[in-house]
Amino acid sequence: VEDLFTRLPLEEVKQKAKAEKKIYYIDFSAEWCQPCKLMDATTFRDYEVVKFTHENFYAVQLDMTDFDAIEMQAMYKIAALPTILFFDYNGNLIDRATGMQTGTLFLSKLKEIKLKS
């Protein structure tokens, strides 16, 4: 399965999302977060999730020790992990998902967000 998350820096993703009018989402993760590890091994490897994401979104994963993540943690009041924040192409927060998401659950969340946009 190809990688769900882009390796591009967040700033570059924001620019690409704006240019292509694409929603992007950021998964906040940490070494010590067991549900995050579980999602990495299952949800984020789910064929349908990966396929739907690549067709409709940009996806970025940030470690909570990352400078961007620390800044955003305060700004968006991230209290628990995993937390996934969804942004429109102008960088406005449009939705969020907190806690363990199965592939099926996460895919329906992605489809719901895509429909609303």
N, C-alpha and C. Protein backbone atom coordinates (compact mmCIF):
# COMPACT_ATOMS: atom_id res chain seq x y z
N VAL A 1 0.85 -1.19 0.00
CA VAL A 1 0.00 0.00 0.00
C VAL A 1 0.89 1.25 0.00
N GLU A 2 0.54 2.20 -0.84
CA GLU A 2 1.35 3.42 -0.82
C GLU A 2 1.07 4.22 0.45
N ASP A 3 2.01 5.09 0.75
CA ASP A 3 1.92 5.86 1.98
C ASP A 3 0.77 6.85 1.92
N LEU A 4 -0.01 6.89 2.99
CA LEU A 4 -1.13 7.82 3.06
C LEU A 4 -0.64 9.27 3.15
N PHE A 5 0.38 9.46 3.98
CA PHE A 5 0.84 10.83 4.28
C PHE A 5 1.91 11.30 3.32
N THR A 6 1.79 12.55 2.92
CA THR A 6 2.81 13.17 2.09
C THR A 6 4.05 13.44 2.92
N ARG A 7 5.19 13.47 2.28
CA ARG A 7 6.45 13.80 2.95
C ARG A 7 6.76 15.29 2.82
N LEU A 8 5.89 16.01 2.11
CA LEU A 8 6.11 17.44 1.90
C LEU A 8 5.95 18.20 3.21
N PRO A 9 6.72 19.28 3.38
CA PRO A 9 6.54 20.12 4.57
C PRO A 9 5.15 20.76 4.57
N LEU A 10 4.63 21.02 5.75
CA LEU A 10 3.29 21.57 5.91
C LEU A 10 3.05 22.82 5.08
N GLU A 11 4.02 23.75 5.06
CA GLU A 11 3.86 24.99 4.29
C GLU A 11 3.63 24.71 2.81
N GLU A 12 4.36 23.72 2.29
CA GLU A 12 4.23 23.36 0.89
C GLU A 12 2.86 22.72 0.61
N VAL A 13 2.40 21.91 1.55
CA VAL A 13 1.09 21.28 1.42
C VAL A 13 0.00 22.36 1.39
N LYS A 14 0.13 23.36 2.26
CA LYS A 14 -0.84 24.46 2.29
C LYS A 14 -0.90 25.17 0.94
N GLN A 15 0.27 25.41 0.34
CA GLN A 15 0.32 26.09 -0.96
C GLN A 15 -0.30 25.24 -2.06
N LYS A 16 0.03 23.95 -2.07
CA LYS A 16 -0.52 23.03 -3.07
C LYS A 16 -2.05 22.90 -2.91
N ALA A 17 -2.49 22.79 -1.66
CA ALA A 17 -3.93 22.66 -1.40
C ALA A 17 -4.67 23.88 -1.93
N LYS A 18 -4.10 25.06 -1.69
CA LYS A 18 -4.73 26.30 -2.14
C LYS A 18 -4.79 26.34 -3.67
N ALA A 19 -3.67 26.01 -4.30
CA ALA A 19 -3.58 26.04 -5.77
C ALA A 19 -4.56 25.05 -6.41
N GLU A 20 -4.71 23.89 -5.77
CA GLU A 20 -5.57 22.84 -6.34
C GLU A 20 -6.97 22.81 -5.73
N LYS A 21 -7.24 23.77 -4.83
CA LYS A 21 -8.53 23.82 -4.13
C LYS A 21 -8.87 22.47 -3.48
N LYS A 22 -7.91 21.96 -2.74
CA LYS A 22 -8.07 20.66 -2.08
C LYS A 22 -8.08 20.82 -0.56
N ILE A 23 -8.88 20.02 0.10
CA ILE A 23 -8.88 19.98 1.56
C ILE A 23 -7.63 19.22 2.00
N TYR A 24 -7.08 19.61 3.13
CA TYR A 24 -5.98 18.82 3.68
C TYR A 24 -6.27 18.49 5.13
N TYR A 25 -5.70 17.41 5.60
CA TYR A 25 -5.86 17.07 7.01
C TYR A 25 -4.53 16.74 7.64
N ILE A 26 -4.47 17.03 8.94
CA ILE A 26 -3.25 16.79 9.71
C ILE A 26 -3.56 15.82 10.84
N ASP A 27 -2.80 14.75 10.86
CA ASP A 27 -2.92 13.77 11.94
C ASP A 27 -1.84 14.09 12.97
N PHE A 28 -2.26 14.37 14.19
CA PHE A 28 -1.32 14.64 15.27
C PHE A 28 -1.06 13.34 16.01
N SER A 29 0.20 12.99 16.12
CA SER A 29 0.59 11.68 16.64
C SER A 29 1.73 11.84 17.64
N ALA A 30 2.07 10.75 18.32
CA ALA A 30 3.21 10.77 19.24
C ALA A 30 3.73 9.36 19.46
N GLU A 31 4.99 9.26 19.77
CA GLU A 31 5.65 7.99 20.04
C GLU A 31 4.90 7.18 21.09
N TRP A 32 4.47 7.84 22.14
CA TRP A 32 3.87 7.17 23.30
C TRP A 32 2.38 6.87 23.14
N CYS A 33 1.79 7.31 22.03
CA CYS A 33 0.35 7.17 21.84
C CYS A 33 0.00 5.83 21.20
N GLN A 34 -0.55 4.91 21.99
CA GLN A 34 -0.89 3.58 21.48
C GLN A 34 -1.98 3.59 20.40
N PRO A 35 -3.09 4.32 20.60
CA PRO A 35 -4.09 4.38 19.53
C PRO A 35 -3.53 4.96 18.22
N CYS A 36 -2.57 5.89 18.32
CA CYS A 36 -1.92 6.45 17.13
C CYS A 36 -1.18 5.36 16.38
N LYS A 37 -0.42 4.56 17.12
CA LYS A 37 0.33 3.46 16.52
C LYS A 37 -0.61 2.45 15.85
N LEU A 38 -1.74 2.19 16.52
CA LEU A 38 -2.73 1.27 15.99
C LEU A 38 -3.32 1.81 14.68
N MET A 39 -3.62 3.09 14.65
CA MET A 39 -4.16 3.70 13.44
C MET A 39 -3.13 3.69 12.31
N ASP A 40 -1.85 3.91 12.65
CA ASP A 40 -0.78 3.83 11.65
C ASP A 40 -0.74 2.45 11.02
N ALA A 41 -0.96 1.43 11.84
CA ALA A 41 -0.86 0.04 11.38
C ALA A 41 -2.12 -0.45 10.67
N THR A 42 -3.27 0.18 10.94
CA THR A 42 -4.52 -0.32 10.38
C THR A 42 -5.22 0.74 9.51
N THR A 43 -5.83 1.72 10.16
CA THR A 43 -6.64 2.74 9.47
C THR A 43 -5.88 3.41 8.33
N PHE A 44 -4.65 3.86 8.61
CA PHE A 44 -3.89 4.61 7.62
C PHE A 44 -3.24 3.71 6.56
N ARG A 45 -3.47 2.40 6.67
CA ARG A 45 -3.02 1.47 5.63
C ARG A 45 -4.20 0.86 4.89
N ASP A 46 -5.40 1.23 5.33
CA ASP A 46 -6.62 0.74 4.70
C ASP A 46 -6.64 1.20 3.24
N TYR A 47 -6.78 0.25 2.32
CA TYR A 47 -6.72 0.56 0.89
C TYR A 47 -7.70 1.66 0.49
N GLU A 48 -8.94 1.55 0.94
CA GLU A 48 -9.97 2.53 0.58
C GLU A 48 -9.67 3.91 1.15
N VAL A 49 -9.17 3.95 2.38
CA VAL A 49 -8.81 5.23 3.02
C VAL A 49 -7.68 5.90 2.24
N VAL A 50 -6.65 5.13 1.90
CA VAL A 50 -5.50 5.66 1.15
C VAL A 50 -5.96 6.15 -0.22
N LYS A 51 -6.74 5.34 -0.92
CA LYS A 51 -7.20 5.68 -2.26
C LYS A 51 -8.06 6.95 -2.23
N PHE A 52 -9.03 7.01 -1.33
CA PHE A 52 -9.93 8.16 -1.25
C PHE A 52 -9.16 9.43 -0.85
N THR A 53 -8.21 9.28 0.05
CA THR A 53 -7.39 10.43 0.46
C THR A 53 -6.59 10.95 -0.72
N HIS A 54 -5.91 10.07 -1.44
CA HIS A 54 -5.08 10.52 -2.56
C HIS A 54 -5.89 11.20 -3.65
N GLU A 55 -7.13 10.77 -3.82
CA GLU A 55 -7.99 11.37 -4.85
C GLU A 55 -8.55 12.73 -4.43
N ASN A 56 -8.73 12.94 -3.12
CA ASN A 56 -9.48 14.12 -2.68
C ASN A 56 -8.79 15.06 -1.70
N PHE A 57 -7.75 14.61 -1.05
CA PHE A 57 -7.15 15.38 0.04
C PHE A 57 -5.63 15.36 -0.04
N TYR A 58 -5.03 16.21 0.77
CA TYR A 58 -3.63 16.05 1.15
C TYR A 58 -3.65 15.63 2.61
N ALA A 59 -2.75 14.75 2.97
CA ALA A 59 -2.69 14.29 4.36
C ALA A 59 -1.27 14.45 4.89
N VAL A 60 -1.18 15.03 6.08
CA VAL A 60 0.10 15.28 6.72
C VAL A 60 0.07 14.67 8.10
N GLN A 61 1.17 14.09 8.53
CA GLN A 61 1.25 13.58 9.90
C GLN A 61 2.31 14.37 10.64
N LEU A 62 1.93 14.90 11.81
CA LEU A 62 2.87 15.66 12.62
C LEU A 62 3.06 14.97 13.96
N ASP A 63 4.30 14.87 14.38
CA ASP A 63 4.61 14.36 15.71
C ASP A 63 4.43 15.52 16.69
N MET A 64 3.88 15.22 17.85
CA MET A 64 3.61 16.28 18.83
C MET A 64 4.87 17.00 19.32
N THR A 65 6.04 16.45 19.05
CA THR A 65 7.27 17.13 19.43
C THR A 65 7.75 18.06 18.31
N ASP A 66 7.10 18.00 17.16
CA ASP A 66 7.43 18.83 16.01
C ASP A 66 7.01 20.27 16.31
N PHE A 67 7.82 21.23 15.87
CA PHE A 67 7.55 22.63 16.17
C PHE A 67 6.16 23.08 15.69
N ASP A 68 5.80 22.72 14.45
CA ASP A 68 4.48 23.07 13.91
C ASP A 68 3.37 22.50 14.79
N ALA A 69 3.56 21.27 15.24
CA ALA A 69 2.54 20.59 16.06
C ALA A 69 2.36 21.28 17.40
N ILE A 70 3.48 21.67 18.02
CA ILE A 70 3.42 22.34 19.33
C ILE A 70 2.63 23.64 19.21
N GLU A 71 2.92 24.39 18.14
CA GLU A 71 2.23 25.65 17.90
C GLU A 71 0.72 25.42 17.69
N MET A 72 0.40 24.42 16.89
CA MET A 72 -1.00 24.15 16.55
C MET A 72 -1.76 23.53 17.72
N GLN A 73 -1.06 22.82 18.57
CA GLN A 73 -1.70 22.19 19.73
C GLN A 73 -2.41 23.24 20.58
N ALA A 74 -1.73 24.35 20.80
CA ALA A 74 -2.32 25.44 21.58
C ALA A 74 -3.42 26.14 20.78
N MET A 75 -3.12 26.44 19.52
CA MET A 75 -4.06 27.18 18.69
C MET A 75 -5.39 26.46 18.52
N TYR A 76 -5.33 25.14 18.33
CA TYR A 76 -6.55 24.37 18.07
C TYR A 76 -7.01 23.53 19.26
N LYS A 77 -6.42 23.83 20.42
CA LYS A 77 -6.82 23.17 21.67
C LYS A 77 -6.89 21.64 21.54
N ILE A 78 -5.77 21.07 21.14
CA ILE A 78 -5.68 19.62 21.01
C ILE A 78 -5.38 19.05 22.40
N ALA A 79 -6.35 18.33 22.94
CA ALA A 79 -6.23 17.84 24.32
C ALA A 79 -5.94 16.35 24.38
N ALA A 80 -6.26 15.63 23.31
CA ALA A 80 -6.09 14.18 23.31
C ALA A 80 -5.54 13.71 21.96
N LEU A 81 -4.87 12.60 21.99
CA LEU A 81 -4.37 12.00 20.76
C LEU A 81 -5.03 10.64 20.57
N PRO A 82 -5.20 10.17 19.35
CA PRO A 82 -4.97 10.93 18.12
C PRO A 82 -6.05 11.99 17.87
N THR A 83 -5.62 13.10 17.28
CA THR A 83 -6.54 14.13 16.80
C THR A 83 -6.20 14.41 15.35
N ILE A 84 -7.23 14.48 14.53
CA ILE A 84 -7.05 14.81 13.12
C ILE A 84 -7.85 16.08 12.85
N LEU A 85 -7.15 17.08 12.30
CA LEU A 85 -7.81 18.34 11.96
C LEU A 85 -7.94 18.46 10.45
N PHE A 86 -9.10 18.90 9.99
CA PHE A 86 -9.38 19.05 8.57
C PHE A 86 -9.47 20.53 8.23
N PHE A 87 -8.78 20.94 7.17
CA PHE A 87 -8.74 22.34 6.76
C PHE A 87 -9.18 22.48 5.31
N ASP A 88 -9.92 23.57 5.03
CA ASP A 88 -10.24 23.85 3.62
C ASP A 88 -8.98 24.42 2.98
N TYR A 89 -9.04 24.64 1.66
CA TYR A 89 -7.83 25.07 0.95
C TYR A 89 -7.37 26.48 1.34
N ASN A 90 -8.21 27.23 2.05
CA ASN A 90 -7.78 28.53 2.55
C ASN A 90 -7.17 28.44 3.94
N GLY A 91 -7.09 27.22 4.48
CA GLY A 91 -6.45 27.04 5.78
C GLY A 91 -7.41 27.21 6.96
N ASN A 92 -8.72 27.23 6.69
CA ASN A 92 -9.70 27.32 7.78
C ASN A 92 -10.02 25.93 8.32
N LEU A 93 -10.05 25.81 9.63
CA LEU A 93 -10.43 24.54 10.25
C LEU A 93 -11.90 24.27 9.95
N ILE A 94 -12.20 23.10 9.35
CA ILE A 94 -13.59 22.80 9.01
C ILE A 94 -14.15 21.61 9.78
N ASP A 95 -13.27 20.76 10.31
CA ASP A 95 -13.76 19.61 11.06
C ASP A 95 -12.60 19.00 11.84
N ARG A 96 -12.95 18.10 12.76
CA ARG A 96 -11.91 17.41 13.52
C ARG A 96 -12.41 16.03 13.91
N ALA A 97 -11.47 15.13 14.14
CA ALA A 97 -11.78 13.78 14.62
C ALA A 97 -10.82 13.49 15.75
N THR A 98 -11.35 13.04 16.87
CA THR A 98 -10.51 12.74 18.03
C THR A 98 -10.72 11.29 18.44
N GLY A 99 -9.64 10.65 18.82
CA GLY A 99 -9.74 9.27 19.28
C GLY A 99 -9.53 8.27 18.15
N MET A 100 -9.47 7.01 18.54
CA MET A 100 -9.23 5.92 17.61
C MET A 100 -10.31 5.86 16.53
N GLN A 101 -9.90 5.82 15.28
CA GLN A 101 -10.82 5.70 14.15
C GLN A 101 -10.49 4.41 13.40
N THR A 102 -11.48 3.58 13.19
CA THR A 102 -11.28 2.41 12.33
C THR A 102 -11.26 2.88 10.88
N GLY A 103 -10.81 2.03 9.99
CA GLY A 103 -10.80 2.37 8.57
C GLY A 103 -12.17 2.76 8.07
N THR A 104 -13.17 1.97 8.42
CA THR A 104 -14.55 2.20 7.98
C THR A 104 -15.08 3.53 8.50
N LEU A 105 -14.86 3.78 9.78
CA LEU A 105 -15.31 5.01 10.42
C LEU A 105 -14.62 6.22 9.79
N PHE A 106 -13.31 6.11 9.61
CA PHE A 106 -12.54 7.23 9.06
C PHE A 106 -12.93 7.50 7.61
N LEU A 107 -13.15 6.44 6.85
CA LEU A 107 -13.55 6.61 5.45
C LEU A 107 -14.89 7.34 5.34
N SER A 108 -15.84 6.99 6.22
CA SER A 108 -17.14 7.69 6.16
C SER A 108 -16.98 9.15 6.59
N LYS A 109 -16.07 9.43 7.51
CA LYS A 109 -15.76 10.81 7.91
C LYS A 109 -15.20 11.58 6.70
N LEU A 110 -14.26 10.97 5.99
CA LEU A 110 -13.66 11.62 4.81
C LEU A 110 -14.73 11.91 3.76
N LYS A 111 -15.61 10.94 3.53
CA LYS A 111 -16.65 11.11 2.51
C LYS A 111 -17.65 12.22 2.91
N GLU A 112 -17.96 12.27 4.19
CA GLU A 112 -18.86 13.31 4.70
C GLU A 112 -18.25 14.70 4.52
N ILE A 113 -16.97 14.83 4.82
CA ILE A 113 -16.27 16.11 4.67
C ILE A 113 -16.19 16.50 3.20
N LYS A 114 -15.90 15.53 2.35
CA LYS A 114 -15.82 15.78 0.90
C LYS A 114 -17.18 16.28 0.37
N LEU A 115 -18.26 15.67 0.83
CA LEU A 115 -19.61 16.07 0.41
C LEU A 115 -19.93 17.51 0.82
N LYS A 116 -19.51 17.88 2.03
CA LYS A 116 -19.83 19.22 2.56
C LYS A 116 -19.02 20.31 1.86
N SER A 117 -17.89 19.93 1.28
CA SER A 117 -16.99 20.97 0.73
C SER A 117 -17.44 21.46 -0.65
